[in-house]
Amino acid sequence: MRALKILVWGMGVLIIAASVALVVMIVQRAGKAIPAAPEGPPAQISLGQPPGSRIAGLAPGFEGRVAVWVQRPDGERLVILDTRNGRALGEIRLSE
């Protein structure tokens, strides 16, 4: 019976220690500063789409890439842009 009490106390101490560690970790991660946007003039990127086209949506990608959903008179497409150098990397046509 005595061993059982020692085990219960030990597990209680472990639960409290784990809870404290979890709270400390959450506070540390919440306190990290968000990096500021780089300073400088805003980038100007031309999609080179014909008149009558409109941007229907945007989706961020990795490594500075953005997917732009473009609705054109001749069909829809995705234009993949590299925001670091302002170039269109390619197009994916959604309908032919």
Protein backbone atom coordinates (compact mmCIF):
# COMPACT_ATOMS: atom_id res chain seq x y z
CA MET A 1 0.00 0.00 0.00
CA ARG A 2 2.86 2.34 0.80
CA ALA A 3 4.46 1.74 -2.62
CA LEU A 4 1.17 2.65 -4.31
CA LYS A 5 1.01 5.96 -2.43
CA ILE A 6 4.58 6.75 -3.47
CA LEU A 7 3.73 5.99 -7.11
CA VAL A 8 0.62 8.21 -6.98
CA TRP A 9 2.61 11.08 -5.48
CA GLY A 10 5.38 10.61 -8.04
CA MET A 11 2.92 10.67 -10.94
CA GLY A 12 1.24 13.76 -9.50
CA VAL A 13 4.58 15.56 -9.35
CA LEU A 14 5.33 14.52 -12.95
CA ILE A 15 1.93 15.82 -14.13
CA ILE A 16 2.50 19.17 -12.41
CA ALA A 17 6.04 19.44 -13.82
CA ALA A 18 4.83 18.64 -17.34
CA SER A 19 2.02 21.21 -17.04
CA VAL A 20 4.47 23.91 -15.91
CA ALA A 21 6.85 23.03 -18.77
CA LEU A 22 3.97 23.24 -21.26
CA VAL A 23 2.89 26.67 -19.99
CA VAL A 24 6.48 27.96 -20.12
CA MET A 25 6.88 26.70 -23.69
CA ILE A 26 3.60 28.34 -24.80
CA VAL A 27 4.59 31.66 -23.23
CA GLN A 28 8.02 31.57 -24.90
CA ARG A 29 6.56 30.86 -28.34
CA ALA A 30 3.85 33.50 -27.96
CA GLY A 31 6.43 36.12 -26.98
CA LYS A 32 8.54 35.82 -30.14
CA ALA A 33 8.49 38.94 -32.27
CA ILE A 34 7.10 38.77 -35.79
CA PRO A 35 9.72 39.97 -38.28
CA ALA A 36 8.90 43.27 -39.93
CA ALA A 37 8.37 43.57 -43.65
CA PRO A 38 11.45 44.67 -45.56
CA GLU A 39 11.67 48.38 -46.23
CA GLY A 40 11.83 49.83 -49.69
CA PRO A 41 9.54 50.70 -52.55
CA PRO A 42 6.66 48.31 -53.20
CA ALA A 43 7.27 45.78 -55.94
CA GLN A 44 5.46 46.23 -59.23
CA ILE A 45 4.71 43.01 -61.07
CA SER A 46 2.94 42.82 -64.42
CA LEU A 47 1.01 39.65 -65.23
CA GLY A 48 0.89 40.47 -68.94
CA GLN A 49 -2.73 39.35 -69.34
CA PRO A 50 -5.06 40.62 -72.10
CA PRO A 51 -7.76 43.25 -71.52
CA GLY A 52 -10.87 41.87 -69.84
CA SER A 53 -8.88 39.63 -67.50
CA ARG A 54 -9.46 39.76 -63.78
CA ILE A 55 -7.79 38.29 -60.72
CA ALA A 56 -10.17 35.82 -59.10
CA GLY A 57 -7.93 34.67 -56.26
CA LEU A 58 -4.47 34.49 -54.70
CA ALA A 59 -2.71 31.70 -52.84
CA PRO A 60 0.66 32.07 -51.10
CA GLY A 61 3.30 29.49 -51.83
CA PHE A 62 6.72 28.69 -50.47
CA GLU A 63 10.01 30.50 -51.14
CA GLY A 64 8.35 33.78 -52.17
CA ARG A 65 5.99 32.30 -54.74
CA VAL A 66 2.35 33.22 -55.27
CA ALA A 67 -0.33 31.49 -57.35
CA VAL A 68 -2.71 33.95 -59.02
CA TRP A 69 -6.03 32.65 -60.37
CA VAL A 70 -6.78 34.71 -63.50
CA GLN A 71 -10.12 34.71 -65.31
CA ARG A 72 -9.64 35.64 -68.96
CA PRO A 73 -12.11 35.88 -71.84
CA ASP A 74 -10.51 32.76 -73.39
CA GLY A 75 -10.47 30.69 -70.17
CA GLU A 76 -9.13 30.52 -66.64
CA ARG A 77 -5.56 29.85 -65.61
CA LEU A 78 -3.14 29.93 -62.69
CA VAL A 79 -0.11 32.15 -63.03
CA ILE A 80 2.79 31.25 -60.73
CA LEU A 81 4.79 34.34 -59.71
CA ASP A 82 8.15 34.68 -58.01
CA THR A 83 7.75 37.74 -55.79
CA ARG A 84 11.49 38.02 -55.15
CA ASN A 85 12.35 38.98 -58.72
CA GLY A 86 8.90 39.87 -60.11
CA ARG A 87 8.83 37.22 -62.84
CA ALA A 88 6.05 34.89 -63.89
CA LEU A 89 7.42 31.35 -63.58
CA GLY A 90 4.65 29.70 -65.59
CA GLU A 91 0.97 29.23 -66.27
CA ILE A 92 -1.43 26.37 -65.71
CA ARG A 93 -4.50 26.44 -67.94
CA LEU A 94 -7.62 25.22 -66.20
CA SER A 95 -9.73 24.78 -69.33
CA GLU A 96 -8.78 24.33 -72.94
